[in-house]
Amino acid sequence: MSAASTAEPGAAPRAPFAAGPSAEQQQQQQEEEGGEEEGEDGGGGARPWAAPEKLLHEARLRAKAKRRLRRTSSRDSAREPPAEEPGAEPGSPKGRAHDRRSRGGKGRGLPKKGGAGGKGVWGAPGVVYGYQEPDARDPNYDEVAQGDTVYATVVPELEEDELEQNVQPMVLEYFEHGDTGEVVELLRGLNLGGRRHAVPSLAVVLALEGKASHRELTSRLLSDLVGRVLSPDDVAWAFDEMLRDLPDLILDAPEAPQMLGQFIARAVADHALPLDFLERYKGRVGCEHARAALDRAAVLLRIKRDVNRLDNVWGVGGGQRPVKHLVKEMNLLLREYLLSGDVSEAERCLRALEVPHFHHELVYEAVVMVLEGAGDAPVTTMVALLQVLWETGLVTLDQMNRGFQRVYAALADLSLDTPLAHARLERLLELCCQRGVVTRALRDACPARGRKRFVSEGDGGRVKQ
């Protein structure tokens, strides 16, 4: 008997490889199941079910319901949800415990938020967004696509204490190298703000306590800073404060009024100060020190009215002076000393020249002046000066030795003009050695006086003395 013959009469033929039962087949199955239940529970004289049979029957019903859910495709989710499990209360979630479909009525597989959500999704398909301003904090922000971008480094404004800590070492280092361009670049890296006037004030105060070469460098610095870092008004403000603080500045620098007046005159001549700076104070100065400083500046400007720059108001720094000028200054110093005999004044003038590397010239000129002089007075006077310079450390051992060695090298030429040069030099060396100015080795290195001997043919080879 074939499989087709075993099918029940009146039943619709089943299509092979069907995806699932159709709606008519499901309705027919439900009617058959209902008929079976009526046959079992109805009045046909059937016996009531036992407890195990009832449990087995419920299990079969649950298995059928599960198979029915599995056969239902997600694409059929638009249809009404299946009936709850038998035995479950209405509205109870027990019947949907294993239902993996969406509780909101949407089937599985559909995109969230209508296709506008999820990872890597930029919105719903077909949606056109309006223009939005770019946000620099956006991780996808492209600075190249935003046009020209300007970056600015924000430097906080220096406080008064911080400005002094930064500018003072800068000025002290400038006194060593003398490069104004480096100071300009360093000051440009600082945010001076409204305290720019403190820079010239601090530089001038440090120069008042320093040497003449430092004051010359400070005047040059003020001239170079104007127009690049400072303005004439900033420099005028600084000098106004220093004129008010003169009573305090005198405590550390007694000559502060005269030196400040020279600073003002040099700044006006260099166009670092306005030309009418002195006119502002006419009849308005009550402090005698400030009045002395302004009078000093007015006198210098009146004397140099035809000169654009007061270049020599501080003199010329030692290392920057020509050698001929230094030799002339030392000659004048020694001649004045021989006339006055004031050792302290000679020492002060030598320190003011600020050429410790050129002190051997002073020793040379002093010895030559003794050799060319007359009498013994210049010898003792010059030995006293060399002794003081040696004891104070102003002239070092190296400079003292170099000075005498130069005299030794030029002694032959000096003897042509001064026949007694050897005798005077030996006497000078003996006194200097006794007072500890020169060493015995240097004294013994003095060249001996040459003796000329002539031999005549008629004398029989006898040497004439």
Protein backbone atom coordinates (compact mmCIF):
# COMPACT_ATOMS: atom_id res chain seq x y z
CA MET A 1 0.00 0.00 0.00
CA SER A 2 1.49 3.34 -1.10
CA ALA A 3 1.81 6.52 0.96
CA ALA A 4 -0.79 8.28 -1.17
CA SER A 5 -3.33 5.58 -0.53
CA THR A 6 -2.90 5.90 3.22
CA ALA A 7 -3.95 9.59 3.19
CA GLU A 8 -7.35 10.26 4.59
CA PRO A 9 -10.19 10.80 2.12
CA GLY A 10 -11.20 14.39 1.65
CA ALA A 11 -7.88 15.82 2.86
CA ALA A 12 -6.01 18.27 0.63
CA PRO A 13 -2.83 16.88 -0.88
CA ARG A 14 0.34 18.20 0.90
CA ALA A 15 2.94 19.90 -1.20
CA PRO A 16 6.37 18.44 -0.82
CA PHE A 17 9.15 20.63 0.79
CA ALA A 18 6.57 23.09 2.15
CA ALA A 19 7.92 25.79 4.35
CA GLY A 20 5.16 25.20 6.91
CA PRO A 21 1.44 24.55 7.31
CA SER A 22 -0.87 26.98 5.67
CA ALA A 23 -3.66 28.84 7.43
CA GLU A 24 -6.29 26.28 6.38
CA GLN A 25 -4.13 23.40 7.59
CA GLN A 26 -3.58 25.09 10.95
CA GLN A 27 -7.35 25.67 11.35
CA GLN A 28 -8.04 22.02 10.46
CA GLN A 29 -5.50 20.82 12.99
CA GLN A 30 -7.04 23.00 15.68
CA GLU A 31 -10.50 21.57 14.90
CA GLU A 32 -9.12 18.03 15.06
CA GLU A 33 -7.43 18.74 18.38
CA GLY A 34 -10.62 20.26 19.71
CA GLY A 35 -12.53 17.17 18.57
CA GLU A 36 -10.10 14.90 20.34
CA GLU A 37 -10.49 16.87 23.53
CA GLU A 38 -14.25 16.71 23.27
CA GLY A 39 -14.06 13.01 22.64
CA GLU A 40 -11.91 12.47 25.62
CA ASP A 41 -13.69 14.81 28.03
CA GLY A 42 -17.18 14.67 26.53
CA GLY A 43 -19.93 12.45 27.45
CA GLY A 44 -19.27 9.26 25.57
CA GLY A 45 -18.87 7.27 28.61
CA ALA A 46 -15.08 7.74 28.55
CA ARG A 47 -13.28 7.45 31.81
CA PRO A 48 -11.70 10.54 33.38
CA TRP A 49 -7.93 11.00 32.96
CA ALA A 50 -5.57 10.08 35.64
CA ALA A 51 -3.04 12.59 36.94
CA PRO A 52 -0.07 11.16 34.99
CA GLU A 53 -2.09 11.04 31.80
CA LYS A 54 -3.21 14.63 32.28
CA LEU A 55 0.38 15.81 32.76
CA LEU A 56 1.48 13.92 29.67
CA HIS A 57 -1.34 15.49 27.70
CA GLU A 58 -0.32 19.00 28.79
CA ALA A 59 3.27 18.28 27.86
CA ARG A 60 2.19 17.23 24.39
CA LEU A 61 0.20 20.43 23.99
CA ARG A 62 3.20 22.54 25.03
CA ALA A 63 5.45 20.68 22.60
CA LYS A 64 2.96 21.30 19.79
CA ALA A 65 2.86 24.99 20.68
CA LYS A 66 6.68 25.20 20.59
CA ARG A 67 6.82 23.47 17.23
CA ARG A 68 4.20 25.87 15.94
CA LEU A 69 6.30 28.86 17.06
CA ARG A 70 9.43 27.49 15.43
CA ARG A 71 7.65 27.06 12.14
CA THR A 72 6.46 30.64 12.23
CA SER A 73 8.84 32.91 10.37
CA SER A 74 9.85 36.36 11.64
CA ARG A 75 8.42 37.83 8.47
CA ASP A 76 4.96 36.80 9.66
CA SER A 77 5.27 38.92 12.77
CA ALA A 78 2.61 41.34 11.49
CA ARG A 79 -0.03 38.74 12.23
CA GLU A 80 -1.63 38.44 15.61
CA PRO A 81 0.50 36.89 18.33
CA PRO A 82 -0.16 33.22 19.05
CA ALA A 83 -2.39 32.14 21.84
CA GLU A 84 -0.88 31.88 25.28
CA GLU A 85 0.16 28.54 26.65
CA PRO A 86 -2.62 26.41 28.03
CA GLY A 87 -2.86 26.73 31.69
CA ALA A 88 -1.31 30.22 31.78
CA GLU A 89 -3.30 33.06 33.21
CA PRO A 90 -4.37 35.87 30.87
CA GLY A 91 -1.87 38.72 30.81
CA SER A 92 0.81 36.59 32.49
CA PRO A 93 4.35 36.72 30.92
CA LYS A 94 4.69 33.00 31.44
CA GLY A 95 3.30 32.26 28.03
CA ARG A 96 5.88 34.50 26.39
CA ALA A 97 8.89 33.40 28.43
CA HIS A 98 10.60 31.83 25.42
CA ASP A 99 9.37 34.31 22.84
CA ARG A 100 12.44 36.05 21.38
CA ARG A 101 10.52 38.53 19.29
CA SER A 102 10.28 42.21 20.12
CA ARG A 103 7.80 43.10 22.83
CA GLY A 104 6.92 46.29 20.92
CA GLY A 105 5.32 44.44 18.07
CA LYS A 106 8.31 44.72 15.72
CA GLY A 107 9.83 41.52 14.46
CA ARG A 108 13.44 40.40 14.80
CA GLY A 109 15.93 41.53 12.19
CA LEU A 110 14.54 45.02 11.74
CA PRO A 111 17.05 47.88 12.32
CA LYS A 112 16.78 49.92 15.48
CA LYS A 113 15.29 53.39 15.40
CA GLY A 114 14.07 52.94 11.88
CA GLY A 115 17.60 52.48 10.52
CA ALA A 116 18.96 55.60 12.18
CA GLY A 117 20.70 53.88 15.09
CA GLY A 118 23.44 51.37 15.74
CA LYS A 119 27.20 51.31 15.51
CA GLY A 120 28.64 53.08 12.47
CA VAL A 121 25.28 54.48 11.37
CA TRP A 122 25.13 58.17 10.45
CA GLY A 123 21.34 58.49 10.40
CA ALA A 124 18.30 57.17 8.68
CA PRO A 125 18.58 56.57 4.91
CA GLY A 126 17.54 59.54 2.83
CA VAL A 127 17.75 62.10 5.66
CA VAL A 128 19.49 65.37 4.65
CA TYR A 129 20.94 67.41 7.53
CA GLY A 130 21.47 71.17 7.53
CA TYR A 131 24.81 72.97 7.98
CA GLN A 132 26.33 72.77 11.45
CA GLU A 133 29.21 74.86 12.79
CA PRO A 134 32.37 72.76 13.30
CA ASP A 135 33.29 72.02 16.88
CA ALA A 136 37.00 72.05 17.69
CA ARG A 137 36.40 69.53 20.49
CA ASP A 138 34.92 67.04 18.06
CA PRO A 139 37.25 64.00 17.63
CA ASN A 140 36.60 64.13 13.88
CA TYR A 141 37.43 67.84 13.65
CA ASP A 142 39.77 68.49 10.72
CA GLU A 143 41.76 71.65 11.25
CA VAL A 144 43.15 71.60 7.70
CA ALA A 145 39.67 71.80 6.23
CA GLN A 146 38.80 74.85 8.35
CA GLY A 147 41.13 77.26 6.53
CA ASP A 148 43.95 79.28 8.10
CA THR A 149 44.43 78.42 11.75
CA VAL A 150 46.33 80.82 14.00
CA TYR A 151 48.05 79.47 17.12
CA ALA A 152 49.00 81.89 19.88
CA THR A 153 51.12 81.14 22.96
CA VAL A 154 49.61 82.75 26.01
CA VAL A 155 52.27 83.94 28.48
CA PRO A 156 50.98 85.22 31.83
CA GLU A 157 51.93 88.75 32.84
CA LEU A 158 54.85 88.90 35.26
CA GLU A 159 54.32 90.11 38.78
CA GLU A 160 56.69 92.63 40.35
CA ASP A 161 58.78 90.00 42.15
CA GLU A 162 58.88 87.71 39.12
CA LEU A 163 59.97 90.58 36.87
CA GLU A 164 62.92 91.40 39.12
CA GLN A 165 63.93 87.73 39.31
CA ASN A 166 63.93 87.46 35.50
CA VAL A 167 65.38 90.85 34.50
CA GLN A 168 68.17 91.28 37.06
CA PRO A 169 70.21 88.19 35.97
CA MET A 170 69.62 89.24 32.38
CA VAL A 171 71.14 92.70 32.97
CA LEU A 172 74.08 91.34 34.97
CA GLU A 173 74.87 88.90 32.17
CA TYR A 174 74.61 91.75 29.67
CA PHE A 175 77.34 93.59 31.60
CA GLU A 176 79.61 90.65 30.76
CA HIS A 177 78.91 90.15 27.04
CA GLY A 178 77.53 93.59 26.00
CA ASP A 179 75.16 92.17 23.33
CA THR A 180 71.98 94.27 23.29
CA GLY A 181 70.35 92.04 20.67
CA GLU A 182 70.32 89.09 23.06
CA VAL A 183 68.67 91.19 25.77
CA VAL A 184 66.00 92.34 23.30
CA GLU A 185 65.15 88.76 22.36
CA LEU A 186 64.96 87.67 25.99
CA LEU A 187 62.70 90.57 26.92
CA ARG A 188 60.39 89.81 23.99
CA GLY A 189 59.84 86.37 25.45
CA LEU A 190 58.47 87.88 28.67
CA ASN A 191 54.99 89.33 29.14
CA LEU A 192 55.94 92.63 30.78
CA GLY A 193 52.43 94.04 30.48
CA GLY A 194 52.08 97.36 32.27
CA ARG A 195 55.46 97.00 34.03
CA ARG A 196 57.72 97.75 31.08
CA HIS A 197 59.01 100.87 32.83
CA ALA A 198 60.58 98.65 35.52
CA VAL A 199 63.20 97.34 33.04
CA PRO A 200 65.14 100.63 32.51
CA SER A 201 64.72 101.50 36.18
CA LEU A 202 66.27 98.21 37.29
CA ALA A 203 69.11 98.48 34.75
CA VAL A 204 70.04 102.03 35.79
CA VAL A 205 70.00 101.15 39.51
CA LEU A 206 72.35 98.22 38.90
CA ALA A 207 74.63 100.46 36.81
CA LEU A 208 74.79 103.09 39.58
CA GLU A 209 76.33 100.45 41.84
CA GLY A 210 78.71 99.24 39.12
CA LYS A 211 81.58 100.66 37.11
CA ALA A 212 81.77 103.31 34.43
CA SER A 213 81.79 100.65 31.73
CA HIS A 214 78.53 99.25 33.12
CA ARG A 215 76.93 102.69 32.94
CA GLU A 216 78.07 103.07 29.33
CA LEU A 217 76.56 99.67 28.47
CA THR A 218 73.31 100.63 30.22
CA SER A 219 73.01 103.82 28.18
CA ARG A 220 73.48 101.81 24.99
CA LEU A 221 70.89 99.29 26.15
CA LEU A 222 68.27 101.98 26.78
CA SER A 223 68.91 103.42 23.33
CA ASP A 224 68.49 100.02 21.64
CA LEU A 225 65.40 98.99 23.62
CA VAL A 226 63.39 102.07 22.61
CA GLY A 227 61.27 101.26 19.58
CA ARG A 228 61.76 97.51 19.95
CA VAL A 229 60.62 96.66 23.46
CA LEU A 230 60.09 100.03 25.20
CA SER A 231 58.71 103.40 24.23
CA PRO A 232 60.07 106.86 25.19
CA ASP A 233 57.16 107.22 27.60
CA ASP A 234 58.21 104.02 29.40
CA VAL A 235 61.76 105.36 29.83
CA ALA A 236 60.41 108.73 31.03
CA TRP A 237 58.21 106.94 33.57
CA ALA A 238 61.27 105.02 34.83
CA PHE A 239 63.35 108.21 35.29
CA ASP A 240 60.42 109.88 37.06
CA GLU A 241 60.41 107.08 39.63
CA MET A 242 64.18 107.20 40.06
CA LEU A 243 64.09 110.97 40.64
CA ARG A 244 61.53 110.41 43.40
CA ASP A 245 63.64 107.59 44.89
CA LEU A 246 66.91 109.55 44.88
CA PRO A 247 67.00 109.95 48.69
CA ASP A 248 67.10 106.14 48.97
CA LEU A 249 69.54 105.67 46.09
CA ILE A 250 72.06 108.03 47.69
CA LEU A 251 72.44 105.60 50.60
CA ASP A 252 74.05 103.02 48.30
CA ALA A 253 75.57 105.39 45.72
CA PRO A 254 76.50 108.83 47.13
CA GLU A 255 77.09 110.18 43.61
CA ALA A 256 73.67 109.07 42.40
CA PRO A 257 72.33 112.60 41.58
CA GLN A 258 75.25 113.44 39.28
CA MET A 259 75.24 110.01 37.62
CA LEU A 260 71.45 110.07 37.17
CA GLY A 261 71.76 113.49 35.55
CA GLN A 262 74.32 112.04 33.13
CA PHE A 263 71.95 109.16 32.36
CA ILE A 264 69.16 111.64 31.59
CA ALA A 265 71.41 113.75 29.33
CA ARG A 266 72.63 110.68 27.44
CA ALA A 267 69.09 109.33 27.03
CA VAL A 268 67.85 112.67 25.66
CA ALA A 269 70.79 112.81 23.24
CA ASP A 270 70.06 109.21 22.12
CA HIS A 271 66.34 110.03 21.66
CA ALA A 272 65.43 107.48 24.31
CA LEU A 273 63.73 110.29 26.29
CA PRO A 274 61.44 112.99 24.90
CA LEU A 275 63.22 116.26 24.14
CA ASP A 276 60.93 118.15 26.51
CA PHE A 277 61.67 115.89 29.47
CA LEU A 278 63.59 118.57 31.35
CA GLU A 279 60.97 121.22 30.56
CA ARG A 280 58.36 119.28 32.49
CA TYR A 281 60.26 119.78 35.75
CA LYS A 282 60.88 123.52 35.56
CA GLY A 283 59.69 125.03 38.83
CA ARG A 284 58.11 121.76 39.99
CA VAL A 285 60.99 120.05 41.80
CA GLY A 286 61.06 120.22 45.57
CA CYS A 287 63.76 117.61 46.30
CA GLU A 288 67.29 119.04 46.28
CA HIS A 289 68.77 115.76 45.03
CA ALA A 290 66.39 115.64 42.08
CA ARG A 291 67.13 119.29 41.34
CA ALA A 292 70.89 118.52 41.31
CA ALA A 293 70.36 115.65 38.86
CA LEU A 294 68.27 117.78 36.50
CA ASP A 295 70.77 120.65 36.66
CA ARG A 296 73.57 118.24 35.79
CA ALA A 297 71.61 116.98 32.76
CA ALA A 298 70.82 120.53 31.62
CA VAL A 299 74.49 121.57 31.82
CA LEU A 300 75.64 118.56 29.78
CA LEU A 301 73.00 119.15 27.12
CA ARG A 302 73.91 122.83 26.95
CA ILE A 303 77.60 122.07 26.47
CA LYS A 304 76.92 119.42 23.86
CA ARG A 305 74.14 121.23 22.06
CA ASP A 306 75.84 120.75 18.69
CA VAL A 307 76.52 117.06 19.24
CA ASN A 308 73.87 114.46 18.52
CA ARG A 309 75.22 111.89 20.97
CA LEU A 310 77.03 112.27 24.29
CA ASP A 311 79.27 109.31 23.57
CA ASN A 312 81.94 110.18 26.12
CA VAL A 313 79.73 111.08 29.06
CA TRP A 314 80.88 107.89 30.82
CA GLY A 315 84.26 107.67 29.13
CA VAL A 316 85.17 104.66 27.05
CA GLY A 317 85.29 101.21 28.57
CA GLY A 318 88.77 99.81 29.21
CA GLY A 319 88.74 96.97 26.71
CA GLN A 320 87.13 99.18 24.07
CA ARG A 321 89.72 101.96 24.19
CA PRO A 322 92.51 102.18 21.59
CA VAL A 323 95.95 101.12 22.79
CA LYS A 324 97.45 104.54 22.03
CA HIS A 325 94.80 106.17 24.19
CA LEU A 326 95.55 103.82 27.08
CA VAL A 327 99.30 104.46 26.81
CA LYS A 328 98.66 108.20 26.87
CA GLU A 329 96.42 107.90 29.94
CA MET A 330 99.06 105.89 31.81
CA ASN A 331 101.78 108.41 30.94
CA LEU A 332 99.65 111.23 32.29
CA LEU A 333 98.92 109.20 35.41
CA LEU A 334 102.62 108.61 36.11
CA ARG A 335 103.62 112.22 35.43
CA GLU A 336 100.92 113.49 37.75
CA TYR A 337 102.08 111.05 40.40
CA LEU A 338 105.70 112.21 40.14
CA LEU A 339 104.53 115.79 40.65
CA SER A 340 102.07 115.17 43.50
CA GLY A 341 103.34 111.95 45.09
CA ASP A 342 99.72 110.94 45.86
CA VAL A 343 99.70 107.13 45.69
CA SER A 344 95.96 106.77 46.41
CA GLU A 345 95.03 109.08 43.52
CA ALA A 346 97.27 107.13 41.14
CA GLU A 347 95.69 103.88 42.32
CA ARG A 348 92.19 105.27 41.81
CA CYS A 349 92.99 106.46 38.28
CA LEU A 350 94.47 103.08 37.37
CA ARG A 351 91.34 101.30 38.61
CA ALA A 352 89.17 103.70 36.61
CA LEU A 353 90.89 102.64 33.39
CA GLU A 354 89.52 99.07 33.88
CA VAL A 355 92.31 97.38 31.95
CA PRO A 356 93.82 94.77 34.31
CA HIS A 357 95.18 92.89 31.29
CA PHE A 358 97.19 96.00 30.26
CA HIS A 359 98.85 96.82 33.58
CA HIS A 360 102.19 95.63 32.25
CA GLU A 361 102.22 98.83 30.17
CA LEU A 362 102.13 100.86 33.40
CA VAL A 363 105.14 98.96 34.77
CA TYR A 364 107.03 99.43 31.50
CA GLU A 365 106.27 103.16 31.31
CA ALA A 366 107.22 103.62 34.98
CA VAL A 367 110.62 101.94 34.55
CA VAL A 368 111.37 103.82 31.32
CA MET A 369 110.45 107.10 33.00
CA VAL A 370 112.94 106.32 35.78
CA LEU A 371 115.69 105.41 33.31
CA GLU A 372 115.18 108.64 31.37
CA GLY A 373 114.95 110.79 34.49
CA ALA A 374 117.66 112.55 36.43
CA GLY A 375 118.65 112.02 40.05
CA ASP A 376 117.63 109.40 42.56
CA ALA A 377 114.29 110.93 43.54
CA PRO A 378 112.30 109.36 40.66
CA VAL A 379 113.74 105.94 41.54
CA THR A 380 112.53 105.90 45.15
CA THR A 381 109.19 107.50 44.24
CA MET A 382 108.45 104.95 41.51
CA VAL A 383 109.50 102.04 43.71
CA ALA A 384 107.00 103.23 46.34
CA LEU A 385 104.20 103.26 43.75
CA LEU A 386 105.06 99.79 42.44
CA GLN A 387 105.16 98.48 46.00
CA VAL A 388 101.66 99.80 46.77
CA LEU A 389 100.24 98.43 43.51
CA TRP A 390 101.83 95.05 44.25
CA GLU A 391 100.62 94.86 47.86
CA THR A 392 97.05 95.84 46.98
CA GLY A 393 96.96 93.23 44.24
CA LEU A 394 96.07 95.75 41.57
CA VAL A 395 99.13 94.71 39.53
CA THR A 396 99.61 90.95 39.48
CA LEU A 397 102.87 89.02 39.41
CA ASP A 398 102.42 88.16 35.76
CA GLN A 399 101.85 91.78 34.77
CA MET A 400 104.86 92.92 36.86
CA ASN A 401 107.16 90.34 35.25
CA ARG A 402 105.95 91.15 31.74
CA GLY A 403 106.59 94.85 32.28
CA PHE A 404 110.23 94.32 33.38
CA GLN A 405 110.85 91.76 30.63
CA ARG A 406 109.75 94.32 28.05
CA VAL A 407 112.31 96.75 29.55
CA TYR A 408 115.01 94.07 29.28
CA ALA A 409 114.18 93.56 25.60
CA ALA A 410 114.35 97.29 24.84
CA LEU A 411 117.35 98.07 27.04
CA ALA A 412 119.83 98.14 24.16
CA ASP A 413 117.84 100.81 22.35
CA LEU A 414 117.26 102.76 25.54
CA SER A 415 120.98 102.83 26.25
CA LEU A 416 121.61 104.71 23.02
CA ASP A 417 119.68 107.72 24.32
CA THR A 418 120.44 107.17 28.01
CA PRO A 419 124.01 105.91 28.64
CA LEU A 420 123.34 105.40 32.35
CA ALA A 421 120.26 103.20 31.72
CA HIS A 422 121.99 100.01 32.95
CA ALA A 423 123.12 101.57 36.22
CA ARG A 424 119.71 103.08 36.94
CA LEU A 425 117.95 99.82 36.11
CA GLU A 426 120.22 97.82 38.42
CA ARG A 427 119.56 100.26 41.26
CA LEU A 428 115.79 100.11 40.61
CA LEU A 429 115.80 96.30 40.56
CA GLU A 430 117.78 96.14 43.80
CA LEU A 431 115.28 98.38 45.62
CA CYS A 432 112.31 96.47 44.17
CA CYS A 433 113.84 93.14 45.22
CA GLN A 434 114.44 94.42 48.76
CA ARG A 435 110.78 95.48 49.08
CA GLY A 436 109.45 92.26 47.56
CA VAL A 437 108.13 93.75 44.37
CA VAL A 438 110.19 91.52 42.06
CA THR A 439 111.76 88.13 42.61
CA ARG A 440 115.47 87.37 42.70
CA ALA A 441 115.12 85.36 39.49
CA LEU A 442 113.74 88.39 37.69
CA ARG A 443 116.49 90.60 39.12
CA ASP A 444 119.21 88.17 38.02
CA ALA A 445 117.68 87.99 34.52
CA CYS A 446 118.64 91.62 33.91
CA PRO A 447 121.09 91.79 30.97
CA ALA A 448 124.67 92.73 31.90
CA ARG A 449 126.21 95.95 30.64
CA GLY A 450 128.18 95.27 27.43
CA ARG A 451 131.90 96.16 27.24
CA LYS A 452 133.52 97.05 23.94
CA ARG A 453 137.12 95.84 23.47
CA PHE A 454 139.28 96.90 20.57
CA VAL A 455 142.56 95.30 19.44
CA SER A 456 145.09 97.40 17.58
CA GLU A 457 147.65 95.89 15.26
CA GLY A 458 150.37 98.15 16.62
CA ASP A 459 149.71 97.18 20.21
CA GLY A 460 150.95 93.66 19.79
CA GLY A 461 147.56 92.11 20.40
CA ARG A 462 147.06 93.92 23.68
CA VAL A 463 143.42 94.43 24.54
CA LYS A 464 142.44 97.99 25.40
CA GLN A 465 140.29 98.46 28.42
